[in-house]
PDB file of N, CA and C in Angstrom:
ATOM      1  N   MET A   1       0.944  -1.028  -0.067  1.00  0.00           N
ATOM      2  CA  MET A   1      -0.017   0.042  -0.003  1.00  0.00           C
ATOM      3  C   MET A   1       1.005   1.204   0.087  1.00  0.00           C
ATOM      4  N   MET A   2       0.703   2.146  -0.950  1.00  0.00           N
ATOM      5  CA  MET A   2       1.327   3.338  -0.959  1.00  0.00           C
ATOM      6  C   MET A   2       0.737   4.416  -0.094  1.00  0.00           C
ATOM      7  N   ALA A   3       1.755   5.350   0.550  1.00  0.00           N
ATOM      8  CA  ALA A   3       1.435   6.322   1.405  1.00  0.00           C
ATOM      9  C   ALA A   3       0.838   7.487   0.601  1.00  0.00           C
ATOM     10  N   GLU A   4      -0.026   8.317   1.115  1.00  0.00           N
ATOM     11  CA  GLU A   4      -0.564   9.413   0.546  1.00  0.00           C
ATOM     12  C   GLU A   4       0.357  10.467   0.381  1.00  0.00           C
ATOM     13  N   THR A   5       0.211  11.246  -0.756  1.00  0.00           N
ATOM     14  CA  THR A   5       1.063  12.346  -1.111  1.00  0.00           C
ATOM     15  C   THR A   5       0.695  13.404  -0.255  1.00  0.00           C
ATOM     16  N   GLU A   6       1.485  14.410   0.025  1.00  0.00           N
ATOM     17  CA  GLU A   6       0.980  15.813   0.863  1.00  0.00           C
ATOM     18  C   GLU A   6      -0.242  16.212   0.102  1.00  0.00           C
ATOM     19  N   THR A   7      -0.440  16.288  -1.064  1.00  0.00           N
ATOM     20  CA  THR A   7      -1.616  16.922  -1.726  1.00  0.00           C
ATOM     21  C   THR A   7      -2.730  16.083  -1.322  1.00  0.00           C
ATOM     22  N   GLU A   8      -2.741  14.651  -1.489  1.00  0.00           N
ATOM     23  CA  GLU A   8      -3.581  13.828  -1.050  1.00  0.00           C
ATOM     24  C   GLU A   8      -4.240  13.979   0.204  1.00  0.00           C
ATOM     25  N   THR A   9      -3.149  13.943   1.301  1.00  0.00           N
ATOM     26  CA  THR A   9      -3.248  14.312   2.715  1.00  0.00           C
ATOM     27  C   THR A   9      -4.293  15.565   2.870  1.00  0.00           C
ATOM     28  N   LEU A  10      -3.718  16.543   2.229  1.00  0.00           N
ATOM     29  CA  LEU A  10      -4.581  17.968   2.347  1.00  0.00           C
ATOM     30  C   LEU A  10      -5.871  17.873   1.755  1.00  0.00           C
ATOM     31  N   THR A  11      -6.044  17.215   0.781  1.00  0.00           N
ATOM     32  CA  THR A  11      -7.158  17.136   0.033  1.00  0.00           C
ATOM     33  C   THR A  11      -8.173  16.313   1.062  1.00  0.00           C
ATOM     34  N   ARG A  12      -7.981  15.255   1.606  1.00  0.00           N
ATOM     35  CA  ARG A  12      -8.531  14.591   2.405  1.00  0.00           C
ATOM     36  C   ARG A  12      -9.043  15.335   3.574  1.00  0.00           C
ATOM     37  N   MET A  13      -8.037  16.108   4.094  1.00  0.00           N
ATOM     38  CA  MET A  13      -8.301  16.958   5.349  1.00  0.00           C
ATOM     39  C   MET A  13      -9.327  18.152   5.071  1.00  0.00           C
ATOM     40  N   ALA A  14      -9.037  18.778   3.868  1.00  0.00           N
ATOM     41  CA  ALA A  14      -9.914  19.907   3.642  1.00  0.00           C
ATOM     42  C   ALA A  14     -11.394  19.340   3.412  1.00  0.00           C
ATOM     43  N   ASN A  15     -11.592  18.125   2.646  1.00  0.00           N
ATOM     44  CA  ASN A  15     -12.764  17.725   2.398  1.00  0.00           C
ATOM     45  C   ASN A  15     -13.545  17.188   3.518  1.00  0.00           C
ATOM     46  N   GLN A  16     -12.789  16.669   4.608  1.00  0.00           N
ATOM     47  CA  GLN A  16     -13.309  16.197   6.196  1.00  0.00           C
ATOM     48  C   GLN A  16     -13.838  17.582   6.803  1.00  0.00           C
ATOM     49  N   ILE A  17     -13.062  18.736   6.724  1.00  0.00           N
ATOM     50  CA  ILE A  17     -13.871  19.944   7.287  1.00  0.00           C
ATOM     51  C   ILE A  17     -14.972  20.420   6.511  1.00  0.00           C
ATOM     52  N   ALA A  18     -14.888  20.378   5.199  1.00  0.00           N
ATOM     53  CA  ALA A  18     -16.112  20.657   4.449  1.00  0.00           C
ATOM     54  C   ALA A  18     -17.351  19.866   4.839  1.00  0.00           C
ATOM     55  N   GLY A  19     -17.012  18.511   5.011  1.00  0.00           N
ATOM     56  CA  GLY A  19     -18.091  17.613   5.343  1.00  0.00           C
ATOM     57  C   GLY A  19     -18.676  18.014   6.749  1.00  0.00           C
ATOM     58  N   PHE A  20     -17.660  18.239   7.732  1.00  0.00           N
ATOM     59  CA  PHE A  20     -18.395  18.587   9.119  1.00  0.00           C
ATOM     60  C   PHE A  20     -19.254  19.813   8.902  1.00  0.00           C
ATOM     61  N   PHE A  21     -18.821  20.952   8.185  1.00  0.00           N
ATOM     62  CA  PHE A  21     -19.719  22.162   8.027  1.00  0.00           C
ATOM     63  C   PHE A  21     -20.565  22.094   7.046  1.00  0.00           C
ATOM     64  N   ALA A  22     -20.957  20.995   6.282  1.00  0.00           N
ATOM     65  CA  ALA A  22     -22.028  20.717   5.308  1.00  0.00           C
ATOM     66  C   ALA A  22     -23.491  21.023   5.914  1.00  0.00           C
ATOM     67  N   PRO A  23     -23.950  20.540   7.193  1.00  0.00           N
ATOM     68  CA  PRO A  23     -25.090  20.889   7.572  1.00  0.00           C
ATOM     69  C   PRO A  23     -25.455  22.392   7.914  1.00  0.00           C
ATOM     70  N   TYR A  24     -24.341  23.191   7.919  1.00  0.00           N
ATOM     71  CA  TYR A  24     -24.703  24.829   8.173  1.00  0.00           C
ATOM     72  C   TYR A  24     -25.195  25.267   6.931  1.00  0.00           C
ATOM     73  N   GLY A  25     -25.267  24.681   5.762  1.00  0.00           N
ATOM     74  CA  GLY A  25     -25.873  25.369   4.589  1.00  0.00           C
ATOM     75  C   GLY A  25     -24.499  25.935   3.695  1.00  0.00           C
ATOM     76  N   GLU A  26     -24.797  25.891   2.391  1.00  0.00           N
ATOM     77  CA  GLU A  26     -23.491  26.313   1.566  1.00  0.00           C
ATOM     78  C   GLU A  26     -22.844  27.453   1.819  1.00  0.00           C
ATOM     79  N   ALA A  27     -23.492  28.632   1.832  1.00  0.00           N
ATOM     80  CA  ALA A  27     -22.570  29.988   2.225  1.00  0.00           C
ATOM     81  C   ALA A  27     -22.225  29.778   3.547  1.00  0.00           C
ATOM     82  N   GLU A  28     -22.601  29.375   4.497  1.00  0.00           N
ATOM     83  CA  GLU A  28     -22.128  29.156   5.791  1.00  0.00           C
ATOM     84  C   GLU A  28     -20.867  28.324   5.898  1.00  0.00           C
ATOM     85  N   ALA A  29     -21.106  27.126   5.202  1.00  0.00           N
ATOM     86  CA  ALA A  29     -20.215  26.072   5.082  1.00  0.00           C
ATOM     87  C   ALA A  29     -18.773  26.885   4.530  1.00  0.00           C
ATOM     88  N   VAL A  30     -18.970  27.226   3.325  1.00  0.00           N
ATOM     89  CA  VAL A  30     -17.703  27.956   2.753  1.00  0.00           C
ATOM     90  C   VAL A  30     -17.186  28.735   3.688  1.00  0.00           C
ATOM     91  N   LYS A  31     -17.619  29.741   4.398  1.00  0.00           N
ATOM     92  CA  LYS A  31     -16.938  30.637   5.501  1.00  0.00           C
ATOM     93  C   LYS A  31     -16.144  29.965   6.497  1.00  0.00           C
ATOM     94  N   GLU A  32     -16.849  28.962   6.983  1.00  0.00           N
ATOM     95  CA  GLU A  32     -16.460  28.177   8.087  1.00  0.00           C
ATOM     96  C   GLU A  32     -15.340  27.299   7.728  1.00  0.00           C
ATOM     97  N   VAL A  33     -15.375  26.854   6.344  1.00  0.00           N
ATOM     98  CA  VAL A  33     -14.172  25.843   5.880  1.00  0.00           C
ATOM     99  C   VAL A  33     -12.999  26.932   5.906  1.00  0.00           C
ATOM    100  N   ALA A  34     -13.128  28.099   5.320  1.00  0.00           N
ATOM    101  CA  ALA A  34     -11.950  29.068   5.247  1.00  0.00           C
ATOM    102  C   ALA A  34     -11.438  29.481   6.703  1.00  0.00           C
ATOM    103  N   ALA A  35     -12.460  29.803   7.541  1.00  0.00           N
ATOM    104  CA  ALA A  35     -12.116  30.187   8.953  1.00  0.00           C
ATOM    105  C   ALA A  35     -11.368  29.253   9.584  1.00  0.00           C
ATOM    106  N   HIS A  36     -11.628  27.909   9.426  1.00  0.00           N
ATOM    107  CA  HIS A  36     -11.069  26.940  10.234  1.00  0.00           C
ATOM    108  C   HIS A  36      -9.627  26.550   9.530  1.00  0.00           C
ATOM    109  N   ILE A  37      -9.414  26.667   8.256  1.00  0.00           N
ATOM    110  CA  ILE A  37      -8.179  26.523   7.554  1.00  0.00           C
ATOM    111  C   ILE A  37      -7.189  27.623   7.873  1.00  0.00           C
ATOM    112  N   ASN A  38      -7.671  28.859   7.888  1.00  0.00           N
ATOM    113  CA  ASN A  38      -7.100  30.013   8.195  1.00  0.00           C
ATOM    114  C   ASN A  38      -6.595  29.879   9.780  1.00  0.00           C
ATOM    115  N   ALA A  39      -7.376  29.441  10.652  1.00  0.00           N
ATOM    116  CA  ALA A  39      -7.008  29.468  12.065  1.00  0.00           C
ATOM    117  C   ALA A  39      -6.230  28.280  12.487  1.00  0.00           C
ATOM    118  N   PHE A  40      -6.240  27.122  11.964  1.00  0.00           N
ATOM    119  CA  PHE A  40      -5.471  25.924  12.279  1.00  0.00           C
ATOM    120  C   PHE A  40      -4.577  25.379  11.412  1.00  0.00           C
ATOM    121  N   TRP A  41      -4.628  25.913  10.175  1.00  0.00           N
ATOM    122  CA  TRP A  41      -3.592  25.208   9.290  1.00  0.00           C
ATOM    123  C   TRP A  41      -2.294  26.098   9.131  1.00  0.00           C
ATOM    124  N   GLU A  42      -1.105  25.422   9.315  1.00  0.00           N
ATOM    125  CA  GLU A  42       0.200  26.381   9.374  1.00  0.00           C
ATOM    126  C   GLU A  42       0.429  26.861   7.979  1.00  0.00           C
ATOM    127  N   PRO A  43       1.197  27.843   7.692  1.00  0.00           N
ATOM    128  CA  PRO A  43       1.435  28.442   6.520  1.00  0.00           C
ATOM    129  C   PRO A  43       1.631  27.489   5.397  1.00  0.00           C
ATOM    130  N   ARG A  44       2.659  26.548   5.649  1.00  0.00           N
ATOM    131  CA  ARG A  44       3.010  25.552   4.698  1.00  0.00           C
ATOM    132  C   ARG A  44       1.955  24.710   4.276  1.00  0.00           C
ATOM    133  N   MET A  45       1.087  24.426   5.172  1.00  0.00           N
ATOM    134  CA  MET A  45      -0.305  23.637   4.599  1.00  0.00           C
ATOM    135  C   MET A  45      -1.112  24.416   3.701  1.00  0.00           C
ATOM    136  N   ARG A  46      -1.354  25.735   4.228  1.00  0.00           N
ATOM    137  CA  ARG A  46      -2.229  26.603   3.245  1.00  0.00           C
ATOM    138  C   ARG A  46      -1.534  26.894   1.974  1.00  0.00           C
ATOM    139  N   ARG A  47      -0.180  26.912   1.840  1.00  0.00           N
ATOM    140  CA  ARG A  47       0.476  27.255   0.677  1.00  0.00           C
ATOM    141  C   ARG A  47       0.251  26.060  -0.270  1.00  0.00           C
ATOM    142  N   ALA A  48       0.366  24.702   0.329  1.00  0.00           N
ATOM    143  CA  ALA A  48       0.229  23.619  -0.521  1.00  0.00           C
ATOM    144  C   ALA A  48      -1.175  23.529  -0.986  1.00  0.00           C
ATOM    145  N   LEU A  49      -2.048  23.710  -0.337  1.00  0.00           N
ATOM    146  CA  LEU A  49      -3.419  23.440  -0.735  1.00  0.00           C
ATOM    147  C   LEU A  49      -3.877  24.662  -1.770  1.00  0.00           C
ATOM    148  N   LEU A  50      -3.381  26.012  -1.598  1.00  0.00           N
ATOM    149  CA  LEU A  50      -3.663  26.877  -2.348  1.00  0.00           C
ATOM    150  C   LEU A  50      -2.940  26.704  -3.797  1.00  0.00           C
ATOM    151  N   ALA A  51      -1.653  26.084  -3.803  1.00  0.00           N
ATOM    152  CA  ALA A  51      -1.010  25.522  -5.051  1.00  0.00           C
ATOM    153  C   ALA A  51      -1.928  24.654  -5.704  1.00  0.00           C
ATOM    154  N   HIS A  52      -2.337  23.661  -4.933  1.00  0.00           N
ATOM    155  CA  HIS A  52      -3.307  22.534  -5.564  1.00  0.00           C
ATOM    156  C   HIS A  52      -4.493  23.203  -6.096  1.00  0.00           C
ATOM    157  N   LEU A  53      -5.209  24.166  -5.416  1.00  0.00           N
ATOM    158  CA  LEU A  53      -6.280  24.865  -6.067  1.00  0.00           C
ATOM    159  C   LEU A  53      -6.015  25.616  -7.270  1.00  0.00           C
ATOM    160  N   ASP A  54      -4.749  26.163  -7.257  1.00  0.00           N
ATOM    161  CA  ASP A  54      -4.301  27.088  -8.355  1.00  0.00           C
ATOM    162  C   ASP A  54      -4.270  26.214  -9.652  1.00  0.00           C
ATOM    163  N   GLN A  55      -4.079  24.891  -9.433  1.00  0.00           N
ATOM    164  CA  GLN A  55      -3.571  23.852 -10.459  1.00  0.00           C
ATOM    165  C   GLN A  55      -5.076  23.035 -10.903  1.00  0.00           C
ATOM    166  N   GLY A  56      -6.265  23.380 -10.313  1.00  0.00           N
ATOM    167  CA  GLY A  56      -7.516  23.151 -10.545  1.00  0.00           C
ATOM    168  C   GLY A  56      -8.190  22.399  -9.358  1.00  0.00           C
ATOM    169  N   GLY A  57      -7.346  21.915  -8.362  1.00  0.00           N
ATOM    170  CA  GLY A  57      -8.117  21.480  -7.286  1.00  0.00           C
ATOM    171  C   GLY A  57      -8.673  20.036  -7.350  1.00  0.00           C
ATOM    172  N   ALA A  58      -8.102  19.203  -8.069  1.00  0.00           N
ATOM    173  CA  ALA A  58      -8.567  17.829  -8.426  1.00  0.00           C
ATOM    174  C   ALA A  58      -8.836  17.245  -6.928  1.00  0.00           C
ATOM    175  N   GLY A  59     -10.063  16.841  -6.902  1.00  0.00           N
ATOM    176  CA  GLY A  59     -10.489  15.917  -5.760  1.00  0.00           C
ATOM    177  C   GLY A  59     -10.922  16.729  -4.564  1.00  0.00           C
ATOM    178  N   LEU A  60     -10.804  17.863  -4.756  1.00  0.00           N
ATOM    179  CA  LEU A  60     -11.513  18.905  -3.684  1.00  0.00           C
ATOM    180  C   LEU A  60     -12.997  19.051  -3.875  1.00  0.00           C
ATOM    181  N   SER A  61     -13.750  19.123  -2.654  1.00  0.00           N
ATOM    182  CA  SER A  61     -15.199  19.189  -2.697  1.00  0.00           C
ATOM    183  C   SER A  61     -15.724  20.719  -2.999  1.00  0.00           C
ATOM    184  N   PRO A  62     -16.622  20.925  -3.441  1.00  0.00           N
ATOM    185  CA  PRO A  62     -17.239  22.261  -4.025  1.00  0.00           C
ATOM    186  C   PRO A  62     -17.041  23.249  -2.977  1.00  0.00           C
ATOM    187  N   PRO A  63     -17.497  22.954  -1.490  1.00  0.00           N
ATOM    188  CA  PRO A  63     -17.113  24.066  -0.466  1.00  0.00           C
ATOM    189  C   PRO A  63     -15.835  24.425  -0.268  1.00  0.00           C
ATOM    190  N   VAL A  64     -14.834  23.499  -0.569  1.00  0.00           N
ATOM    191  CA  VAL A  64     -13.296  23.836  -0.523  1.00  0.00           C
ATOM    192  C   VAL A  64     -12.770  24.790  -1.613  1.00  0.00           C
ATOM    193  N   ILE A  65     -13.328  24.391  -2.643  1.00  0.00           N
ATOM    194  CA  ILE A  65     -13.085  25.255  -3.929  1.00  0.00           C
ATOM    195  C   ILE A  65     -13.664  26.496  -3.729  1.00  0.00           C
ATOM    196  N   ALA A  66     -14.833  26.737  -3.357  1.00  0.00           N
ATOM    197  CA  ALA A  66     -15.526  27.983  -3.019  1.00  0.00           C
ATOM    198  C   ALA A  66     -14.876  28.752  -2.038  1.00  0.00           C
ATOM    199  N   ALA A  67     -14.288  27.935  -1.150  1.00  0.00           N
ATOM    200  CA  ALA A  67     -13.459  28.647   0.174  1.00  0.00           C
ATOM    201  C   ALA A  67     -12.149  29.172  -0.315  1.00  0.00           C
ATOM    202  N   ALA A  68     -11.630  28.943  -1.424  1.00  0.00           N
ATOM    203  CA  ALA A  68     -10.434  29.242  -1.962  1.00  0.00           C
ATOM    204  C   ALA A  68     -10.213  30.742  -1.755  1.00  0.00           C
ATOM    205  N   GLY A  69     -10.915  31.676  -2.265  1.00  0.00           N
ATOM    206  CA  GLY A  69     -10.756  33.060  -2.276  1.00  0.00           C
ATOM    207  C   GLY A  69     -10.719  33.696  -0.890  1.00  0.00           C
ATOM    208  N   LEU A  70     -11.218  32.980   0.179  1.00  0.00           N
ATOM    209  CA  LEU A  70     -11.205  33.344   1.446  1.00  0.00           C
ATOM    210  C   LEU A  70      -9.938  32.880   2.426  1.00  0.00           C
ATOM    211  N   ILE A  71      -9.252  31.910   1.934  1.00  0.00           N
ATOM    212  CA  ILE A  71      -8.180  31.437   2.737  1.00  0.00           C
ATOM    213  C   ILE A  71      -6.918  32.378   2.379  1.00  0.00           C
ATOM    214  N   ARG A  72      -6.295  32.700   3.529  1.00  0.00           N
ATOM    215  CA  ARG A  72      -5.096  33.718   3.459  1.00  0.00           C
ATOM    216  C   ARG A  72      -3.966  33.004   2.857  1.00  0.00           C
ATOM    217  N   ARG A  73      -3.444  33.675   1.757  1.00  0.00           N
ATOM    218  CA  ARG A  73      -2.131  33.405   1.112  1.00  0.00           C
ATOM    219  C   ARG A  73      -0.966  33.682   2.011  1.00  0.00           C
ATOM    220  N   PRO A  74      -0.143  32.756   2.458  1.00  0.00           N
ATOM    221  CA  PRO A  74       1.037  33.136   3.429  1.00  0.00           C
ATOM    222  C   PRO A  74       1.982  33.569   2.412  1.00  0.00           C
ATOM    223  N   ALA A  75       2.881  34.589   2.830  1.00  0.00           N
ATOM    224  CA  ALA A  75       4.031  35.263   2.399  1.00  0.00           C
ATOM    225  C   ALA A  75       5.027  34.322   1.655  1.00  0.00           C
TER     226      ALA A  75
END
């Protein structure tokens, strides 16, 4: 069994966050996904997620993709 790549791990984690907030409704879930990632993900993780989103975000759920503009880009 092969280990997940960093991108696969971050995709799985972001989708789990989106799944948790799904009952909040679409608009609120998008805001909460971004707020959670901004609050709890270190800059390296946000940078890698945003790079994946910049390349199309394969495998990411719609709320994560919609939250992209609200996720702070590290310097």
